[in-house]
N, C-alpha and C. Protein backbone atom coordinates (compact mmCIF):
# COMPACT_ATOMS: atom_id res chain seq x y z
N MET A 1 -168.07 29.55 -30.78
CA MET A 1 -166.83 29.78 -31.06
C MET A 1 -166.76 30.05 -32.45
N ASP A 2 -167.73 31.03 -32.85
CA ASP A 2 -167.48 30.98 -34.73
C ASP A 2 -166.37 31.49 -34.91
N GLY A 3 -165.55 32.49 -34.41
CA GLY A 3 -164.63 33.33 -34.78
C GLY A 3 -163.09 32.64 -34.84
N LEU A 4 -163.51 31.32 -33.66
CA LEU A 4 -162.17 30.54 -33.91
C LEU A 4 -162.36 29.21 -34.06
N GLY A 5 -162.92 28.71 -34.36
CA GLY A 5 -163.46 27.43 -34.66
C GLY A 5 -162.57 26.57 -33.54
N THR A 6 -163.66 25.26 -32.88
CA THR A 6 -163.24 24.26 -31.90
C THR A 6 -161.84 23.55 -31.84
N SER A 7 -161.33 23.68 -33.23
CA SER A 7 -160.25 22.80 -33.47
C SER A 7 -158.55 23.47 -33.56
N ARG A 8 -158.90 24.69 -33.15
CA ARG A 8 -157.63 25.59 -33.22
C ARG A 8 -156.98 25.92 -31.51
N ASN A 9 -155.86 26.36 -31.36
CA ASN A 9 -155.52 27.01 -29.63
C ASN A 9 -155.47 28.17 -30.05
N ILE A 10 -155.57 28.80 -29.13
CA ILE A 10 -154.98 30.33 -28.61
C ILE A 10 -153.21 29.99 -28.33
N VAL A 11 -152.80 30.72 -28.91
CA VAL A 11 -151.00 31.14 -28.76
C VAL A 11 -150.69 32.46 -28.31
N ILE A 12 -150.45 32.82 -27.13
CA ILE A 12 -150.27 33.87 -26.53
C ILE A 12 -148.83 34.26 -26.53
N VAL A 13 -147.94 35.57 -27.23
CA VAL A 13 -146.84 35.81 -27.11
C VAL A 13 -146.65 36.89 -26.77
N GLY A 14 -145.22 37.63 -26.65
CA GLY A 14 -144.81 38.81 -26.37
C GLY A 14 -143.47 38.93 -25.20
N PHE A 15 -143.02 40.43 -24.75
CA PHE A 15 -142.04 40.37 -24.38
C PHE A 15 -142.41 39.85 -22.79
N MET A 16 -141.14 39.28 -22.25
CA MET A 16 -141.58 39.32 -20.61
C MET A 16 -142.18 40.24 -19.97
N GLY A 17 -142.87 40.07 -19.20
CA GLY A 17 -143.72 40.88 -18.21
C GLY A 17 -144.80 41.53 -19.12
N THR A 18 -145.68 40.77 -20.04
CA THR A 18 -146.59 41.66 -20.77
C THR A 18 -147.97 41.00 -20.20
N GLY A 19 -147.60 40.11 -19.49
CA GLY A 19 -149.28 39.40 -18.79
C GLY A 19 -149.73 37.67 -19.51
N LYS A 20 -148.51 37.53 -20.23
CA LYS A 20 -148.70 36.06 -21.01
C LYS A 20 -149.37 34.87 -19.81
N SER A 21 -149.06 34.86 -18.74
CA SER A 21 -148.96 33.99 -18.35
C SER A 21 -150.65 33.98 -17.27
N THR A 22 -150.67 35.51 -16.87
CA THR A 22 -151.73 35.42 -16.85
C THR A 22 -153.33 35.67 -17.26
N VAL A 23 -153.03 36.28 -18.29
CA VAL A 23 -154.26 36.55 -19.11
C VAL A 23 -154.34 35.12 -19.56
N SER A 24 -153.37 33.90 -19.66
CA SER A 24 -153.72 32.55 -20.60
C SER A 24 -154.79 32.14 -19.94
N ARG A 25 -154.51 31.84 -18.18
CA ARG A 25 -155.16 31.51 -16.89
C ARG A 25 -156.50 31.91 -17.04
N LEU A 26 -156.81 33.46 -17.22
CA LEU A 26 -158.03 33.84 -17.27
C LEU A 26 -159.04 33.12 -18.16
N LEU A 27 -157.99 33.38 -19.62
CA LEU A 27 -158.88 32.90 -20.74
C LEU A 27 -159.14 31.38 -20.92
N SER A 28 -158.40 30.49 -20.40
CA SER A 28 -158.46 29.18 -20.09
C SER A 28 -159.77 28.84 -19.35
N GLU A 29 -159.72 29.58 -18.08
CA GLU A 29 -160.88 29.59 -17.23
C GLU A 29 -161.85 29.75 -18.05
N ARG A 30 -162.28 30.66 -18.51
CA ARG A 30 -163.40 31.39 -19.46
C ARG A 30 -163.49 30.45 -20.63
N LEU A 31 -162.74 29.93 -21.28
CA LEU A 31 -163.53 29.38 -22.68
C LEU A 31 -163.39 27.70 -21.91
N GLY A 32 -163.00 27.69 -20.76
CA GLY A 32 -163.07 26.23 -20.59
C GLY A 32 -162.13 24.65 -21.70
N TRP A 33 -161.14 25.87 -21.81
CA TRP A 33 -160.11 25.34 -22.47
C TRP A 33 -158.65 24.97 -21.54
N GLU A 34 -157.88 23.50 -22.02
CA GLU A 34 -156.52 23.44 -21.05
C GLU A 34 -155.63 24.83 -21.15
N ARG A 35 -155.25 25.20 -20.24
CA ARG A 35 -154.31 26.14 -20.25
C ARG A 35 -152.57 25.29 -19.88
N ILE A 36 -151.53 26.02 -21.18
CA ILE A 36 -150.57 25.20 -20.72
C ILE A 36 -149.42 26.67 -20.89
N ASP A 37 -148.87 26.88 -19.87
CA ASP A 37 -147.68 27.85 -20.23
C ASP A 37 -145.80 27.14 -20.27
N THR A 38 -145.78 27.57 -21.65
CA THR A 38 -144.64 26.53 -22.06
C THR A 38 -143.39 26.49 -21.13
N ASP A 39 -143.32 27.74 -20.43
CA ASP A 39 -142.23 27.45 -19.62
C ASP A 39 -142.28 26.64 -18.59
N GLU A 40 -143.85 26.80 -17.90
CA GLU A 40 -143.97 25.72 -16.80
C GLU A 40 -143.49 24.48 -17.41
N GLU A 41 -144.38 23.67 -18.87
CA GLU A 41 -143.94 22.55 -19.16
C GLU A 41 -142.54 22.16 -19.36
N ILE A 42 -141.77 23.12 -19.77
CA ILE A 42 -140.14 22.86 -19.93
C ILE A 42 -139.92 22.59 -18.59
N GLU A 43 -140.66 22.94 -17.64
CA GLU A 43 -139.92 22.85 -16.11
C GLU A 43 -140.02 21.49 -15.78
N ARG A 44 -141.30 21.11 -16.09
CA ARG A 44 -141.81 19.88 -15.71
C ARG A 44 -140.95 18.62 -16.38
N ARG A 45 -140.88 18.93 -17.72
CA ARG A 45 -140.24 17.60 -18.59
C ARG A 45 -138.88 17.60 -18.47
N SER A 46 -138.12 18.61 -17.76
CA SER A 46 -136.51 19.03 -17.61
C SER A 46 -136.43 18.62 -16.32
N GLY A 47 -137.11 18.62 -15.26
CA GLY A 47 -137.18 18.58 -13.85
C GLY A 47 -135.84 19.76 -13.41
N LEU A 48 -135.85 20.94 -14.11
CA LEU A 48 -135.17 21.64 -14.27
C LEU A 48 -135.86 23.05 -14.05
N THR A 49 -135.69 24.39 -13.14
CA THR A 49 -136.33 25.73 -13.33
C THR A 49 -135.70 26.04 -14.85
N ILE A 50 -136.07 27.38 -14.94
CA ILE A 50 -135.21 27.66 -15.98
C ILE A 50 -134.12 28.49 -15.95
N PRO A 51 -133.98 29.23 -14.81
CA PRO A 51 -132.29 29.69 -14.42
C PRO A 51 -131.52 28.35 -14.44
N GLN A 52 -132.17 27.21 -13.90
CA GLN A 52 -131.27 25.83 -13.79
C GLN A 52 -130.76 25.42 -15.28
N LEU A 53 -131.92 25.38 -16.01
CA LEU A 53 -131.89 25.18 -17.28
C LEU A 53 -130.87 25.82 -17.88
N PHE A 54 -131.07 26.94 -18.00
CA PHE A 54 -130.10 28.14 -18.70
C PHE A 54 -128.49 27.99 -17.83
N ALA A 55 -128.76 27.91 -16.88
CA ALA A 55 -126.99 27.73 -15.88
C ALA A 55 -126.57 26.49 -16.93
N GLU A 56 -127.15 25.15 -17.07
CA GLU A 56 -126.73 23.94 -17.37
C GLU A 56 -126.76 23.77 -18.95
N GLU A 57 -127.64 24.36 -19.54
CA GLU A 57 -127.53 24.03 -20.82
C GLU A 57 -127.53 25.31 -21.56
N GLY A 58 -127.29 26.70 -21.08
CA GLY A 58 -127.14 27.62 -21.96
C GLY A 58 -128.46 28.24 -22.44
N GLU A 59 -128.31 29.28 -23.35
CA GLU A 59 -129.84 29.40 -23.89
C GLU A 59 -130.10 28.85 -25.03
N GLU A 60 -129.30 28.26 -25.60
CA GLU A 60 -129.64 27.64 -26.92
C GLU A 60 -130.24 26.09 -26.49
N GLY A 61 -129.43 25.72 -25.49
CA GLY A 61 -130.55 24.57 -24.99
C GLY A 61 -131.75 24.43 -24.62
N PHE A 62 -132.14 25.89 -23.77
CA PHE A 62 -133.57 26.15 -23.23
C PHE A 62 -133.90 26.04 -24.58
N ARG A 63 -133.25 26.98 -25.32
CA ARG A 63 -134.51 27.33 -27.11
C ARG A 63 -134.99 25.95 -27.54
N ASP A 64 -133.89 24.81 -27.44
CA ASP A 64 -134.05 23.97 -28.07
C ASP A 64 -135.40 22.82 -27.44
N TRP A 65 -135.59 23.26 -26.07
CA TRP A 65 -136.65 22.72 -25.38
C TRP A 65 -137.84 23.27 -25.64
N GLU A 66 -137.39 24.37 -25.69
CA GLU A 66 -138.33 25.38 -26.07
C GLU A 66 -139.39 24.96 -27.37
N SER A 67 -138.99 24.50 -28.29
CA SER A 67 -138.89 24.21 -29.89
C SER A 67 -139.63 22.95 -29.76
N ARG A 68 -139.36 21.84 -28.93
CA ARG A 68 -139.97 20.51 -28.47
C ARG A 68 -141.04 21.20 -28.32
N VAL A 69 -141.42 22.04 -26.80
CA VAL A 69 -142.04 21.45 -25.94
C VAL A 69 -143.73 22.55 -26.79
N LEU A 70 -143.16 23.21 -27.82
CA LEU A 70 -144.27 23.91 -28.48
C LEU A 70 -145.11 23.56 -29.48
N GLU A 71 -143.96 22.43 -30.63
CA GLU A 71 -144.52 21.52 -31.28
C GLU A 71 -145.25 20.47 -30.50
N ASP A 72 -145.19 19.85 -29.68
CA ASP A 72 -145.95 19.25 -29.06
C ASP A 72 -147.38 19.71 -28.40
N VAL A 73 -147.19 20.85 -27.38
CA VAL A 73 -148.30 21.29 -27.17
C VAL A 73 -149.28 21.70 -28.16
N LEU A 74 -148.65 22.07 -29.24
CA LEU A 74 -149.37 22.78 -30.30
C LEU A 74 -150.01 21.70 -31.84
N ALA A 75 -149.69 20.22 -31.14
CA ALA A 75 -150.31 19.53 -32.13
C ALA A 75 -151.76 19.20 -31.50
N GLY A 76 -151.99 19.52 -30.50
CA GLY A 76 -153.72 19.46 -30.28
C GLY A 76 -154.17 20.20 -30.22
N SER A 77 -155.83 20.67 -29.73
CA SER A 77 -156.67 21.95 -30.35
C SER A 77 -156.86 21.94 -28.57
N ARG A 78 -157.91 23.04 -28.76
CA ARG A 78 -158.91 23.97 -27.24
C ARG A 78 -157.64 23.98 -26.39
N LYS A 79 -156.82 24.34 -26.30
CA LYS A 79 -155.57 24.97 -25.29
C LYS A 79 -155.29 26.45 -25.87
N VAL A 80 -155.00 26.88 -24.59
CA VAL A 80 -154.56 28.42 -24.33
C VAL A 80 -153.04 28.12 -23.84
N VAL A 81 -152.12 28.65 -24.98
CA VAL A 81 -150.84 28.53 -24.80
C VAL A 81 -149.77 29.88 -24.64
N ALA A 82 -149.43 29.96 -23.34
CA ALA A 82 -148.63 31.27 -23.00
C ALA A 82 -147.46 30.82 -23.35
N THR A 83 -146.65 31.43 -24.35
CA THR A 83 -145.14 31.41 -24.55
C THR A 83 -144.33 32.02 -23.74
N GLY A 84 -142.90 31.54 -23.58
CA GLY A 84 -141.90 32.31 -22.91
C GLY A 84 -141.65 33.65 -24.26
N GLY A 85 -140.98 34.75 -23.66
CA GLY A 85 -140.91 35.87 -24.31
C GLY A 85 -140.03 35.57 -25.62
N GLY A 86 -138.94 34.47 -25.26
CA GLY A 86 -138.23 34.76 -26.55
C GLY A 86 -138.55 33.63 -27.66
N ALA A 87 -139.58 32.87 -27.31
CA ALA A 87 -139.90 31.53 -27.98
C ALA A 87 -140.51 32.03 -29.64
N VAL A 88 -140.84 32.87 -29.73
CA VAL A 88 -140.38 33.71 -31.30
C VAL A 88 -139.40 33.78 -32.04
N LEU A 89 -138.20 33.61 -31.39
CA LEU A 89 -136.94 34.25 -32.03
C LEU A 89 -136.28 32.93 -33.12
N ARG A 90 -137.04 32.03 -33.36
CA ARG A 90 -136.84 30.98 -33.97
C ARG A 90 -138.00 31.32 -35.05
N GLU A 91 -137.37 30.94 -36.35
CA GLU A 91 -138.39 30.88 -37.46
C GLU A 91 -139.44 29.10 -36.88
N ARG A 92 -138.39 28.21 -36.57
CA ARG A 92 -139.50 27.22 -36.90
C ARG A 92 -140.86 27.22 -35.72
N ASN A 93 -140.42 28.11 -34.92
CA ASN A 93 -141.62 28.49 -33.65
C ASN A 93 -142.69 29.01 -33.85
N ARG A 94 -142.27 29.98 -34.78
CA ARG A 94 -143.22 30.92 -35.10
C ARG A 94 -144.68 30.17 -36.03
N ARG A 95 -143.15 29.51 -37.08
CA ARG A 95 -144.45 28.45 -38.28
C ARG A 95 -145.22 27.75 -37.36
N ALA A 96 -144.87 27.00 -36.37
CA ALA A 96 -145.38 26.13 -35.24
C ALA A 96 -146.92 26.82 -35.03
N MET A 97 -146.22 27.98 -34.29
CA MET A 97 -147.20 28.86 -33.72
C MET A 97 -148.69 28.99 -34.54
N LEU A 98 -148.23 29.35 -35.76
CA LEU A 98 -149.10 30.32 -36.76
C LEU A 98 -149.56 29.05 -37.22
N ALA A 99 -149.20 27.57 -37.72
CA ALA A 99 -150.04 26.18 -37.98
C ALA A 99 -150.84 25.91 -36.93
N GLY A 100 -150.83 26.15 -35.79
CA GLY A 100 -151.44 25.46 -34.04
C GLY A 100 -152.26 26.43 -33.92
N GLY A 101 -152.45 27.34 -34.01
CA GLY A 101 -153.36 28.55 -33.49
C GLY A 101 -153.58 29.87 -34.17
N TRP A 102 -154.15 30.70 -33.21
CA TRP A 102 -154.57 31.82 -33.56
C TRP A 102 -153.32 32.80 -32.52
N VAL A 103 -152.84 33.55 -32.92
CA VAL A 103 -151.55 33.96 -32.32
C VAL A 103 -151.80 35.10 -31.98
N VAL A 104 -151.82 35.47 -30.37
CA VAL A 104 -152.05 37.04 -30.21
C VAL A 104 -150.75 37.72 -29.23
N SER A 105 -150.23 38.68 -29.71
CA SER A 105 -149.26 39.22 -28.95
C SER A 105 -149.53 40.49 -28.29
N LEU A 106 -148.96 40.12 -26.99
CA LEU A 106 -149.21 41.39 -25.77
C LEU A 106 -147.82 42.23 -25.60
N THR A 107 -148.17 43.46 -25.91
CA THR A 107 -146.87 44.02 -25.90
C THR A 107 -147.25 45.25 -24.59
N ALA A 108 -145.99 46.01 -23.98
CA ALA A 108 -146.29 47.41 -22.82
C ALA A 108 -145.14 47.92 -23.19
N ASP A 109 -145.40 49.16 -22.67
CA ASP A 109 -144.36 49.99 -23.07
C ASP A 109 -143.28 49.70 -21.94
N ARG A 110 -142.08 50.45 -22.53
CA ARG A 110 -140.71 50.21 -21.61
C ARG A 110 -141.00 49.89 -20.05
N ASP A 111 -141.93 51.52 -19.35
CA ASP A 111 -141.55 51.23 -18.38
C ASP A 111 -142.61 50.62 -17.54
N SER A 112 -143.29 50.21 -18.00
CA SER A 112 -144.62 49.52 -17.67
C SER A 112 -143.67 48.04 -17.25
N LEU A 113 -143.13 47.83 -18.59
CA LEU A 113 -142.48 46.21 -18.62
C LEU A 113 -141.19 46.22 -17.41
N ILE A 114 -140.61 47.15 -17.67
CA ILE A 114 -139.61 47.46 -16.31
C ILE A 114 -139.98 47.19 -14.92
N HIS A 115 -141.03 47.95 -14.73
CA HIS A 115 -141.80 48.12 -13.32
C HIS A 115 -142.13 46.13 -13.00
N ARG A 116 -142.65 45.90 -13.89
CA ARG A 116 -143.31 44.19 -13.99
C ARG A 116 -142.11 43.19 -13.83
N VAL A 117 -141.25 43.54 -14.55
CA VAL A 117 -140.10 42.60 -14.16
C VAL A 117 -138.98 42.59 -13.25
N THR A 118 -139.03 43.75 -12.83
CA THR A 118 -138.13 44.14 -11.55
C THR A 118 -138.79 43.83 -10.28
N SER A 119 -140.02 43.71 -10.28
CA SER A 119 -141.04 43.74 -9.02
C SER A 119 -140.31 42.79 -7.83
N SER A 120 -140.07 42.81 -6.79
CA SER A 120 -140.14 41.61 -5.78
C SER A 120 -140.59 40.24 -6.13
N ALA A 121 -141.86 40.10 -6.77
CA ALA A 121 -142.31 38.95 -7.12
C ALA A 121 -141.31 37.81 -8.43
N ALA A 122 -140.81 38.77 -9.02
CA ALA A 122 -140.29 38.52 -10.20
C ALA A 122 -138.72 38.53 -10.05
N ALA A 123 -138.28 38.62 -9.09
CA ALA A 123 -136.85 38.71 -8.52
C ALA A 123 -136.19 37.16 -8.91
N GLY A 124 -135.15 36.87 -9.52
CA GLY A 124 -134.66 35.91 -9.68
C GLY A 124 -135.12 34.86 -10.91
N THR A 125 -136.21 34.98 -11.51
CA THR A 125 -136.96 34.41 -11.93
C THR A 125 -136.86 34.52 -13.65
N ARG A 126 -136.10 35.50 -14.19
CA ARG A 126 -135.53 36.03 -15.53
C ARG A 126 -134.15 35.99 -15.66
N PRO A 127 -133.63 34.89 -15.98
CA PRO A 127 -131.80 34.60 -15.94
C PRO A 127 -131.56 35.82 -17.62
N LEU A 128 -132.26 36.10 -18.38
CA LEU A 128 -131.73 37.49 -19.15
C LEU A 128 -131.85 38.51 -18.77
N LEU A 129 -132.56 38.62 -17.59
CA LEU A 129 -132.17 40.10 -16.92
C LEU A 129 -131.08 40.18 -15.49
N GLU A 130 -130.10 39.20 -15.43
CA GLU A 130 -129.12 38.73 -14.30
C GLU A 130 -128.43 40.17 -14.70
N GLY A 131 -128.15 41.17 -13.68
CA GLY A 131 -127.42 42.35 -13.57
C GLY A 131 -128.07 43.48 -13.60
N ASP A 132 -128.31 44.70 -14.60
CA ASP A 132 -128.77 45.52 -14.90
C ASP A 132 -130.26 45.43 -15.60
N ALA A 133 -131.06 45.11 -14.64
CA ALA A 133 -132.10 44.71 -15.64
C ALA A 133 -133.07 45.81 -16.28
N GLU A 134 -133.07 47.01 -15.92
CA GLU A 134 -133.89 48.21 -16.97
C GLU A 134 -132.65 48.19 -18.10
N ALA A 135 -131.00 47.97 -18.21
CA ALA A 135 -130.66 48.16 -19.32
C ALA A 135 -130.83 47.20 -20.05
N LYS A 136 -130.72 45.99 -19.73
CA LYS A 136 -130.97 44.43 -20.33
C LYS A 136 -132.74 44.33 -21.09
N VAL A 137 -133.84 45.20 -20.26
CA VAL A 137 -134.94 45.00 -21.02
C VAL A 137 -134.77 46.06 -22.33
N THR A 138 -134.22 47.14 -22.09
CA THR A 138 -133.85 48.32 -23.06
C THR A 138 -133.34 47.41 -24.14
N ALA A 139 -132.16 46.89 -24.39
CA ALA A 139 -131.64 46.33 -25.23
C ALA A 139 -132.35 45.10 -26.25
N LEU A 140 -133.13 44.28 -25.17
CA LEU A 140 -134.10 43.24 -25.14
C LEU A 140 -135.29 43.72 -26.43
N LEU A 141 -135.98 44.87 -25.77
CA LEU A 141 -136.80 45.23 -26.80
C LEU A 141 -136.36 45.74 -28.24
N GLN A 142 -135.09 46.77 -27.87
CA GLN A 142 -134.31 46.97 -29.41
C GLN A 142 -134.38 45.77 -30.32
N SER A 143 -133.72 45.15 -29.74
CA SER A 143 -133.42 43.72 -30.26
C SER A 143 -134.56 42.96 -30.66
N ARG A 144 -135.49 42.88 -30.03
CA ARG A 144 -136.68 41.78 -30.47
C ARG A 144 -138.00 42.62 -30.75
N ARG A 145 -138.42 44.05 -31.31
CA ARG A 145 -138.72 45.08 -31.90
C ARG A 145 -140.02 44.73 -33.08
N HIS A 146 -138.97 43.43 -33.69
CA HIS A 146 -140.10 43.29 -35.02
C HIS A 146 -140.61 41.69 -34.70
N ALA A 147 -139.70 41.24 -33.69
CA ALA A 147 -140.03 39.80 -33.31
C ALA A 147 -141.17 39.17 -33.20
N TYR A 148 -142.53 40.16 -32.43
CA TYR A 148 -144.11 40.02 -32.49
C TYR A 148 -144.94 40.28 -33.61
N ASP A 149 -144.18 40.80 -34.50
CA ASP A 149 -145.06 41.28 -36.06
C ASP A 149 -145.86 40.15 -36.54
N PHE A 150 -145.27 38.66 -36.28
CA PHE A 150 -145.81 38.20 -36.91
C PHE A 150 -147.50 37.35 -37.11
N ALA A 151 -147.72 37.95 -35.17
CA ALA A 151 -148.80 37.40 -34.76
C ALA A 151 -150.00 37.97 -35.32
N GLN A 152 -151.19 37.41 -35.25
CA GLN A 152 -152.34 38.02 -36.05
C GLN A 152 -153.38 39.17 -35.14
N ALA A 153 -152.65 38.98 -33.82
CA ALA A 153 -153.52 40.46 -33.45
C ALA A 153 -152.87 40.70 -32.29
N THR A 154 -152.31 42.10 -32.00
CA THR A 154 -152.13 42.78 -30.79
C THR A 154 -152.59 43.52 -29.76
N ILE A 155 -152.19 43.40 -28.24
CA ILE A 155 -153.11 44.06 -27.53
C ILE A 155 -152.05 44.77 -26.66
N ASP A 156 -151.79 45.98 -26.67
CA ASP A 156 -150.93 46.94 -26.08
C ASP A 156 -151.73 46.67 -24.40
N THR A 157 -150.72 46.19 -23.22
CA THR A 157 -151.20 46.03 -21.85
C THR A 157 -150.88 46.67 -20.86
N SER A 158 -150.36 47.85 -21.11
CA SER A 158 -149.77 48.82 -20.58
C SER A 158 -150.99 49.27 -19.33
N ARG A 159 -151.76 49.68 -19.90
CA ARG A 159 -152.91 50.50 -19.08
C ARG A 159 -154.41 49.55 -18.79
N LEU A 160 -154.06 48.55 -19.03
CA LEU A 160 -154.98 47.17 -19.34
C LEU A 160 -154.83 46.11 -18.00
N SER A 161 -156.08 45.97 -17.14
CA SER A 161 -155.97 44.42 -16.24
C SER A 161 -155.75 43.45 -17.12
N PRO A 162 -155.31 42.10 -16.48
CA PRO A 162 -155.27 40.90 -17.20
C PRO A 162 -156.49 40.26 -17.33
N THR A 163 -157.65 40.96 -16.45
CA THR A 163 -159.22 40.43 -17.01
C THR A 163 -159.57 41.74 -17.93
N ASP A 164 -159.19 42.68 -18.33
CA ASP A 164 -159.76 43.65 -19.60
C ASP A 164 -159.23 42.48 -20.53
N VAL A 165 -157.75 42.51 -20.79
CA VAL A 165 -156.87 41.42 -21.80
C VAL A 165 -158.06 40.10 -22.15
N ALA A 166 -158.33 39.41 -21.05
CA ALA A 166 -158.48 38.15 -21.31
C ALA A 166 -160.24 38.72 -22.09
N GLN A 167 -160.81 39.21 -21.47
CA GLN A 167 -162.21 39.29 -21.92
C GLN A 167 -162.56 39.87 -23.16
N MET A 168 -161.37 41.12 -23.66
CA MET A 168 -160.93 41.54 -24.60
C MET A 168 -160.64 40.00 -25.97
N MET A 169 -159.98 39.24 -25.61
CA MET A 169 -159.60 38.09 -26.40
C MET A 169 -160.68 37.27 -26.44
N LEU A 170 -161.39 37.09 -25.75
CA LEU A 170 -162.73 36.22 -25.31
C LEU A 170 -163.98 37.07 -26.37
N ASN A 171 -163.83 38.21 -26.39
CA ASN A 171 -165.03 38.98 -27.59
C ASN A 171 -164.54 38.84 -28.88
N TRP A 172 -163.00 38.80 -28.98
CA TRP A 172 -162.94 38.49 -30.75
C TRP A 172 -162.40 37.25 -30.96
N VAL A 173 -163.22 36.00 -29.80
CA VAL A 173 -163.12 34.73 -30.66
C VAL A 173 -164.48 33.91 -30.70
N ARG A 174 -165.38 35.04 -29.61
CA ARG A 174 -166.95 34.22 -30.22
C ARG A 174 -167.67 35.10 -31.10
């Protein structure tokens, strides 16, 4: 692990539907590192699903959970951490990510994202997309267009498989 060192984490950020969870799973298996999906960890700690947490505590309450989980998770090392798409919205979180690991942003074109987040497998799992998902994806992409710029590397996943993305990241860290 010459490129990354063994005391750091890999933090994967990006808009919803870019492949963070799937890529993190593949990468952690290949590295033999622990995988943590912050949304899954929030659900485990809170005892609520993400949609339930949004309904009960609102987006601000959810973001508070997200910040606490990120700080806890990034205190360790040799973890592949997949963050929620909005985790980058708080400066506190961006600082924690950069201090705690190598940050890679996954991107995809608008049409790929809309297809991925509106698939039957994704139905009902994304509280920010309730209603007109296409219009909301477009608006969120616009409002977050520079939110991921702090990452140390970026990969466009529009035409790559999750396996290809994980392999690319693996090549970078070795």
